[in-house]
N, C-alpha and C. Protein backbone atom coordinates (compact mmCIF):
# COMPACT_ATOMS: atom_id res chain seq x y z
N MET A 1 -2.26 73.35 18.75
CA MET A 1 -2.56 74.34 17.71
C MET A 1 -0.85 75.31 17.77
N HIS A 2 -0.42 75.48 16.56
CA HIS A 2 0.85 76.15 16.66
C HIS A 2 0.81 77.28 15.92
N ALA A 3 2.08 78.39 15.97
CA ALA A 3 1.82 79.63 15.66
C ALA A 3 3.22 80.24 15.12
N LEU A 4 3.27 81.21 14.19
CA LEU A 4 4.48 81.96 13.85
C LEU A 4 4.70 82.99 13.63
N LEU A 5 5.09 84.17 14.09
CA LEU A 5 5.18 85.36 13.64
C LEU A 5 6.62 85.78 13.35
N TYR A 6 6.63 86.28 12.20
CA TYR A 6 7.59 86.82 11.41
C TYR A 6 7.71 88.57 10.92
N ARG A 7 8.84 88.94 10.54
CA ARG A 7 8.66 90.32 10.16
C ARG A 7 9.65 90.18 8.99
N SER A 8 9.31 91.10 7.74
CA SER A 8 10.46 91.25 6.83
C SER A 8 10.06 92.39 6.06
N ARG A 9 10.69 92.66 5.03
CA ARG A 9 10.98 94.17 4.43
C ARG A 9 10.36 94.04 2.86
N ALA A 10 9.35 94.73 2.48
CA ALA A 10 8.84 94.54 1.23
C ALA A 10 10.09 95.21 0.31
N ARG A 11 9.61 94.47 -0.97
CA ARG A 11 10.89 94.75 -2.02
C ARG A 11 10.26 96.19 -2.67
N PRO A 12 11.22 97.18 -2.93
CA PRO A 12 10.87 98.49 -3.34
C PRO A 12 10.06 98.43 -4.46
N GLY A 13 9.07 99.04 -4.68
CA GLY A 13 8.00 99.18 -5.87
C GLY A 13 7.04 98.26 -5.58
N LEU A 14 7.07 97.75 -4.30
CA LEU A 14 5.64 96.76 -4.06
C LEU A 14 4.43 97.59 -4.16
N LEU A 15 3.43 97.45 -5.16
CA LEU A 15 2.21 98.05 -5.36
C LEU A 15 0.98 97.55 -4.58
N ALA A 16 0.02 98.20 -4.51
CA ALA A 16 -1.26 97.93 -3.72
C ALA A 16 -1.86 96.65 -4.31
N SER A 17 -1.70 96.73 -5.61
CA SER A 17 -2.20 95.36 -6.61
C SER A 17 -1.47 93.89 -5.96
N ASP A 18 0.00 94.14 -5.41
CA ASP A 18 0.73 93.19 -5.35
C ASP A 18 0.09 92.81 -3.95
N LEU A 19 -0.23 93.44 -3.15
CA LEU A 19 -0.51 93.25 -1.61
C LEU A 19 -2.09 92.37 -1.58
N ASN A 20 -2.93 92.87 -2.70
CA ASN A 20 -4.15 92.32 -3.03
C ASN A 20 -3.58 90.89 -3.59
N ALA A 21 -2.80 90.92 -4.22
CA ALA A 21 -2.66 89.34 -4.69
C ALA A 21 -2.07 88.27 -3.65
N ILE A 22 -1.39 88.93 -3.03
CA ILE A 22 -0.80 88.20 -1.70
C ILE A 22 -2.07 87.72 -1.15
N ILE A 23 -3.01 88.46 -0.51
CA ILE A 23 -4.08 88.19 0.09
C ILE A 23 -5.04 87.43 -0.55
N GLU A 24 -5.26 87.56 -1.90
CA GLU A 24 -6.35 86.59 -2.48
C GLU A 24 -5.59 85.26 -2.64
N THR A 25 -4.09 85.09 -2.83
CA THR A 25 -3.66 83.54 -3.14
C THR A 25 -3.58 83.26 -1.62
N ALA A 26 -3.41 83.87 -0.49
CA ALA A 26 -3.12 83.17 0.86
C ALA A 26 -4.53 82.68 1.39
N GLU A 27 -5.69 83.43 0.56
CA GLU A 27 -7.07 83.36 1.38
C GLU A 27 -7.51 81.73 0.83
N ALA A 28 -7.16 81.58 -0.50
CA ALA A 28 -7.77 80.65 -1.20
C ALA A 28 -6.76 79.25 -0.63
N ARG A 29 -5.20 79.38 -0.46
CA ARG A 29 -4.33 78.37 -0.26
C ARG A 29 -4.48 77.77 1.13
N ASN A 30 -4.59 78.87 2.13
CA ASN A 30 -4.75 78.71 3.35
C ASN A 30 -6.27 78.30 4.11
N HIS A 31 -7.24 78.26 3.51
CA HIS A 31 -8.38 77.92 3.81
C HIS A 31 -8.27 76.35 3.57
N GLU A 32 -7.69 75.79 2.23
CA GLU A 32 -7.43 74.43 1.88
C GLU A 32 -6.61 73.84 3.24
N ILE A 33 -5.61 74.31 3.65
CA ILE A 33 -4.73 73.55 4.31
C ILE A 33 -5.03 74.18 6.03
N GLY A 34 -6.00 74.50 6.41
CA GLY A 34 -6.34 74.94 7.73
C GLY A 34 -5.38 76.14 8.35
N ILE A 35 -5.02 76.87 7.59
CA ILE A 35 -4.13 78.37 8.08
C ILE A 35 -4.83 79.46 8.30
N THR A 36 -4.87 79.81 9.80
CA THR A 36 -5.70 81.19 9.81
C THR A 36 -4.59 82.23 10.06
N GLY A 37 -4.97 83.42 9.98
CA GLY A 37 -3.77 84.48 10.42
C GLY A 37 -4.12 86.05 9.89
N ILE A 38 -2.97 86.65 10.15
CA ILE A 38 -3.16 88.27 9.75
C ILE A 38 -1.57 88.70 9.16
N LEU A 39 -1.80 89.60 8.18
CA LEU A 39 -0.65 90.11 7.52
C LEU A 39 -0.92 91.70 7.91
N LEU A 40 0.19 91.96 8.47
CA LEU A 40 0.12 93.47 8.76
C LEU A 40 1.24 94.06 7.93
N TYR A 41 0.79 95.38 7.17
CA TYR A 41 1.83 95.94 6.13
C TYR A 41 1.89 97.39 6.75
N GLY A 42 3.21 98.02 6.94
CA GLY A 42 3.39 99.63 7.13
C GLY A 42 4.23 99.94 6.17
N GLN A 43 4.36 101.22 5.71
CA GLN A 43 5.17 102.03 5.08
C GLN A 43 5.41 103.38 5.72
N LEU A 44 6.75 103.61 6.03
CA LEU A 44 6.81 105.28 6.53
C LEU A 44 6.78 106.19 5.71
N ALA A 45 5.47 106.99 6.02
CA ALA A 45 5.11 108.17 5.06
C ALA A 45 6.27 109.39 5.08
N VAL A 46 7.20 109.41 5.77
CA VAL A 46 8.07 110.23 6.22
C VAL A 46 9.27 109.97 5.22
N VAL A 47 9.35 108.81 4.97
CA VAL A 47 10.57 108.58 4.07
C VAL A 47 9.84 107.98 2.69
N PRO A 48 9.60 108.75 1.72
CA PRO A 48 8.96 108.67 0.39
C PRO A 48 9.94 107.57 -0.06
N GLY A 49 9.20 106.92 -1.06
CA GLY A 49 10.26 105.60 -1.89
C GLY A 49 10.74 104.58 -1.03
N ALA A 50 10.45 104.57 0.48
CA ALA A 50 11.10 103.60 1.33
C ALA A 50 10.47 102.25 1.20
N PRO A 51 10.89 101.21 1.23
CA PRO A 51 10.00 99.91 1.14
C PRO A 51 9.40 99.70 2.37
N GLY A 52 8.33 99.25 2.05
CA GLY A 52 7.48 98.90 3.37
C GLY A 52 7.76 97.81 4.11
N GLU A 53 6.83 97.54 5.55
CA GLU A 53 7.54 96.02 6.06
C GLU A 53 6.22 95.23 6.50
N PHE A 54 6.34 93.90 6.42
CA PHE A 54 5.42 93.04 6.96
C PHE A 54 5.71 92.85 8.09
N VAL A 55 4.57 92.17 9.16
CA VAL A 55 4.73 91.39 10.15
C VAL A 55 3.28 90.50 9.78
N GLN A 56 3.74 89.05 10.28
CA GLN A 56 2.58 88.23 10.11
C GLN A 56 2.72 87.02 10.57
N TRP A 57 1.50 86.69 11.48
CA TRP A 57 0.95 85.91 12.28
C TRP A 57 0.27 84.69 11.65
N ILE A 58 0.74 83.49 11.69
CA ILE A 58 0.39 82.34 10.91
C ILE A 58 0.19 81.36 12.08
N GLU A 59 -1.25 80.72 11.79
CA GLU A 59 -1.67 79.66 12.93
C GLU A 59 -2.39 78.55 12.42
N GLY A 60 -2.01 77.45 12.54
CA GLY A 60 -2.58 76.15 12.32
C GLY A 60 -1.77 74.82 12.96
N ASP A 61 -1.91 73.73 12.25
CA ASP A 61 -1.13 72.54 12.74
C ASP A 61 0.30 72.84 12.52
N ARG A 62 1.04 72.38 13.19
CA ARG A 62 2.78 72.55 13.37
C ARG A 62 3.35 72.45 11.74
N GLU A 63 2.89 71.24 11.14
CA GLU A 63 3.28 70.90 9.88
C GLU A 63 2.78 72.04 8.86
N SER A 64 1.56 72.25 8.83
CA SER A 64 1.37 73.29 7.77
C SER A 64 1.81 74.81 7.90
N VAL A 65 2.13 75.14 9.18
CA VAL A 65 2.65 76.33 9.41
C VAL A 65 4.08 76.65 9.28
N GLU A 66 4.80 75.48 9.64
CA GLU A 66 6.40 75.40 9.00
C GLU A 66 6.28 75.30 7.53
N ALA A 67 5.39 74.61 6.77
CA ALA A 67 5.79 74.46 5.35
C ALA A 67 5.34 75.48 4.97
N LEU A 68 4.29 76.41 5.48
CA LEU A 68 3.98 77.72 4.44
C LEU A 68 5.06 78.59 4.93
N TYR A 69 5.52 78.84 5.89
CA TYR A 69 6.86 79.71 6.34
C TYR A 69 8.05 79.20 5.22
N ALA A 70 8.19 78.12 5.06
CA ALA A 70 9.46 77.95 4.11
C ALA A 70 9.13 78.44 3.01
N ASP A 71 7.74 78.25 2.37
CA ASP A 71 7.50 78.70 1.17
C ASP A 71 7.48 80.80 1.06
N ILE A 72 6.88 81.26 2.32
CA ILE A 72 6.96 82.70 2.49
C ILE A 72 8.35 83.01 2.28
N ALA A 73 9.24 82.38 3.01
CA ALA A 73 10.49 82.96 3.08
C ALA A 73 11.36 83.21 1.74
N THR A 74 11.02 82.64 1.16
CA THR A 74 11.85 82.43 -0.44
C THR A 74 10.70 83.12 -1.76
N ASP A 75 9.83 84.07 -0.96
CA ASP A 75 8.89 84.56 -1.80
C ASP A 75 9.78 85.95 -2.15
N GLU A 76 9.80 86.50 -3.38
CA GLU A 76 10.70 87.53 -3.86
C GLU A 76 9.96 88.67 -3.80
N ARG A 77 8.87 88.95 -3.36
CA ARG A 77 8.33 90.28 -2.77
C ARG A 77 8.80 90.74 -1.66
N HIS A 78 9.51 90.08 -1.09
CA HIS A 78 9.98 90.65 0.22
C HIS A 78 11.23 90.03 0.64
N PHE A 79 12.02 90.77 1.28
CA PHE A 79 13.31 90.22 1.82
C PHE A 79 13.66 90.51 3.31
N ASP A 80 14.58 89.72 3.64
CA ASP A 80 15.30 89.90 5.15
C ASP A 80 14.46 89.34 6.43
N PRO A 81 13.48 87.92 5.77
CA PRO A 81 12.69 87.75 6.66
C PRO A 81 13.43 87.31 8.08
N GLU A 82 12.70 87.44 9.22
CA GLU A 82 13.23 87.17 10.42
C GLU A 82 12.30 86.58 11.49
N VAL A 83 12.03 85.47 11.84
CA VAL A 83 10.99 84.88 12.71
C VAL A 83 11.23 85.52 14.20
N LEU A 84 10.33 86.04 14.54
CA LEU A 84 10.14 86.65 15.97
C LEU A 84 9.70 85.64 16.92
N ALA A 85 8.97 84.65 16.94
CA ALA A 85 8.43 83.76 17.51
C ALA A 85 7.65 82.52 16.95
N ARG A 86 7.81 81.43 17.48
CA ARG A 86 6.96 80.35 16.80
C ARG A 86 6.93 79.34 18.08
N GLY A 87 5.82 78.31 18.09
CA GLY A 87 5.43 77.41 18.96
C GLY A 87 4.08 76.88 19.20
N PRO A 88 3.85 76.40 20.30
CA PRO A 88 2.26 76.24 20.41
C PRO A 88 1.71 77.51 20.66
N ILE A 89 0.55 77.85 20.57
CA ILE A 89 -0.14 79.01 20.49
C ILE A 89 -0.30 79.27 21.98
N GLY A 90 -0.87 78.34 22.55
CA GLY A 90 -0.97 78.47 24.06
C GLY A 90 0.07 79.08 24.98
N GLU A 91 1.42 78.88 24.48
CA GLU A 91 2.63 79.18 25.00
C GLU A 91 3.21 80.86 24.75
N LEU A 92 2.62 81.17 23.42
CA LEU A 92 2.94 82.23 22.90
C LEU A 92 1.96 83.50 23.09
N ARG A 93 0.89 82.93 23.45
CA ARG A 93 -0.32 84.37 23.46
C ARG A 93 -0.41 85.09 24.76
N ASP A 94 0.45 84.73 25.75
CA ASP A 94 0.45 85.40 27.10
C ASP A 94 -0.76 86.32 27.51
N GLY A 95 -1.57 85.80 27.90
CA GLY A 95 -3.05 85.92 28.21
C GLY A 95 -3.84 86.69 27.18
N VAL A 96 -3.62 86.48 25.89
CA VAL A 96 -4.59 87.13 25.03
C VAL A 96 -5.87 85.98 24.68
N ARG A 97 -6.85 86.48 24.72
CA ARG A 97 -7.99 85.56 24.69
C ARG A 97 -8.02 85.00 23.22
N ALA A 98 -8.32 83.54 23.10
CA ALA A 98 -8.24 83.05 21.83
C ALA A 98 -10.17 83.25 21.32
N ALA A 99 -10.10 83.74 20.14
CA ALA A 99 -11.58 83.99 19.74
C ALA A 99 -12.48 83.01 19.36
N GLY A 100 -11.72 81.67 19.43
CA GLY A 100 -12.36 80.42 18.99
C GLY A 100 -12.16 79.32 20.16
N PRO A 101 -12.81 78.17 20.10
CA PRO A 101 -12.53 77.12 20.93
C PRO A 101 -11.31 76.36 20.63
N SER A 102 -10.85 76.70 19.21
CA SER A 102 -9.40 76.10 18.85
C SER A 102 -8.31 76.81 19.33
N GLY A 103 -8.34 77.60 19.98
CA GLY A 103 -7.06 78.48 20.69
C GLY A 103 -6.93 79.48 19.61
N ARG A 104 -7.00 79.34 18.33
CA ARG A 104 -6.57 80.36 17.52
C ARG A 104 -6.86 81.88 17.77
N LEU A 105 -5.95 82.88 17.38
CA LEU A 105 -6.16 84.36 17.76
C LEU A 105 -7.09 84.84 16.70
N PHE A 106 -7.00 84.24 15.60
CA PHE A 106 -7.92 84.73 14.16
C PHE A 106 -8.54 83.48 13.25
N PRO A 107 -9.70 82.88 14.28
CA PRO A 107 -10.17 81.54 13.59
C PRO A 107 -10.82 81.77 12.39
N THR A 108 -11.66 82.89 12.24
CA THR A 108 -12.53 82.85 11.00
C THR A 108 -11.57 83.51 9.73
N TRP A 109 -10.17 84.02 9.94
CA TRP A 109 -9.67 84.45 8.79
C TRP A 109 -8.59 83.61 8.26
N SER A 110 -8.58 83.26 6.92
CA SER A 110 -7.83 82.58 6.29
C SER A 110 -6.38 83.27 5.92
N MET A 111 -6.71 84.59 6.04
CA MET A 111 -5.76 85.90 5.97
C MET A 111 -6.37 87.09 5.99
N ALA A 112 -6.11 87.98 6.61
CA ALA A 112 -6.22 89.24 6.51
C ALA A 112 -5.41 90.35 6.39
N LEU A 113 -5.62 91.49 5.71
CA LEU A 113 -4.14 92.40 5.49
C LEU A 113 -4.67 93.64 6.32
N VAL A 114 -3.93 94.25 7.15
CA VAL A 114 -4.23 95.21 7.81
C VAL A 114 -2.86 96.33 7.31
N ARG A 115 -3.31 97.37 7.16
CA ARG A 115 -2.16 98.60 7.08
C ARG A 115 -2.15 99.42 8.05
N LEU A 116 -0.90 99.41 8.65
CA LEU A 116 -0.59 100.35 9.84
C LEU A 116 0.60 101.09 9.86
N SER A 117 0.63 102.59 10.35
CA SER A 117 2.14 103.09 10.39
C SER A 117 2.99 102.86 11.05
N GLU A 118 2.48 102.07 12.19
CA GLU A 118 3.60 101.45 13.11
C GLU A 118 3.31 99.89 13.38
N LEU A 119 3.92 99.43 12.80
CA LEU A 119 4.22 97.71 12.78
C LEU A 119 4.62 97.27 14.40
N PRO A 120 3.47 96.39 15.18
CA PRO A 120 4.05 96.11 16.21
C PRO A 120 5.04 94.72 15.78
N ALA A 121 6.37 95.07 15.84
CA ALA A 121 7.38 93.82 15.02
C ALA A 121 8.07 93.15 16.33
N THR A 122 7.50 92.89 17.46
CA THR A 122 7.83 91.98 18.39
C THR A 122 6.84 91.29 19.01
N LEU A 123 6.95 90.10 19.73
CA LEU A 123 5.87 89.16 20.06
C LEU A 123 4.96 90.14 21.20
N PRO A 124 5.75 90.73 21.92
CA PRO A 124 5.00 91.52 23.15
C PRO A 124 3.99 92.53 22.34
N GLY A 125 4.70 93.48 21.56
CA GLY A 125 4.11 94.44 20.90
C GLY A 125 2.69 93.95 19.88
N PHE A 126 2.94 92.46 19.25
CA PHE A 126 2.10 92.03 18.29
C PHE A 126 0.90 91.52 19.22
N LEU A 127 1.35 90.66 20.66
CA LEU A 127 0.39 90.29 21.56
C LEU A 127 -0.56 91.73 21.95
N ALA A 128 -0.06 92.93 22.12
CA ALA A 128 -0.72 94.05 22.74
C ALA A 128 -1.84 94.31 21.55
N PHE A 129 -1.08 94.28 20.18
CA PHE A 129 -2.07 94.61 19.26
C PHE A 129 -3.49 93.54 19.02
N ALA A 130 -3.27 92.44 19.65
CA ALA A 130 -4.31 91.19 19.40
C ALA A 130 -4.92 91.36 20.64
N ARG A 131 -4.45 91.93 21.65
CA ARG A 131 -5.40 91.98 22.85
C ARG A 131 -6.23 93.11 22.58
N ASP A 132 -6.26 94.12 21.96
CA ASP A 132 -6.88 95.36 21.58
C ASP A 132 -8.23 94.65 20.60
N TRP A 133 -7.72 93.85 19.92
CA TRP A 133 -8.70 93.13 19.01
C TRP A 133 -10.20 93.09 19.70
N GLU A 134 -11.14 93.49 18.56
CA GLU A 134 -12.69 93.27 19.20
C GLU A 134 -13.18 92.39 17.86
N GLY A 135 -13.41 90.91 18.51
CA GLY A 135 -14.12 90.10 17.62
C GLY A 135 -13.49 90.05 16.14
N ASP A 136 -14.13 89.72 15.32
CA ASP A 136 -13.64 89.62 13.92
C ASP A 136 -13.53 91.09 12.91
N ALA A 137 -14.07 92.05 13.74
CA ALA A 137 -13.80 93.26 13.27
C ALA A 137 -12.30 93.98 12.89
N LEU A 138 -11.65 94.61 11.71
CA LEU A 138 -10.66 95.26 11.45
C LEU A 138 -10.21 96.17 12.57
N PRO A 139 -9.08 96.31 13.02
CA PRO A 139 -9.01 97.52 13.70
C PRO A 139 -8.84 98.92 13.06
N ALA A 140 -8.74 99.72 13.62
CA ALA A 140 -8.51 101.01 12.62
C ALA A 140 -7.27 101.12 12.18
N MET A 141 -7.34 101.67 10.76
CA MET A 141 -6.18 101.48 10.03
C MET A 141 -5.43 103.05 10.15
N ALA A 142 -4.44 102.84 10.18
CA ALA A 142 -3.36 104.06 10.31
C ALA A 142 -3.08 104.75 8.90
């Protein structure tokens, strides 16, 4: 099982309807290709009009994860994508217990969107976020 964690900046003017469209498309596509994961979105409320940022964890077989990221990297709804980590989940998860026998961190979600005011935009920060996860429930949104 392979995973990839990246961060990127949202294009200015991205709307809630755009975020919903991203998730609807991802859920259908990812279910078909065996991808699960989570998309975190944050926008600094203290800087009106500033573009938001994304942090996304994608997990599945290596070929599917890498092909999906190649498509994501060219999506015009964001820019400046930066891979923070990639590789076998077992090597990346650093003590975070997997929720399922597959070793996935998010085995039941073809993709979920969580809005946060502070994004965990490093592998250790993301893993701390995942460590605090309780089952399939969404964390409290800031």
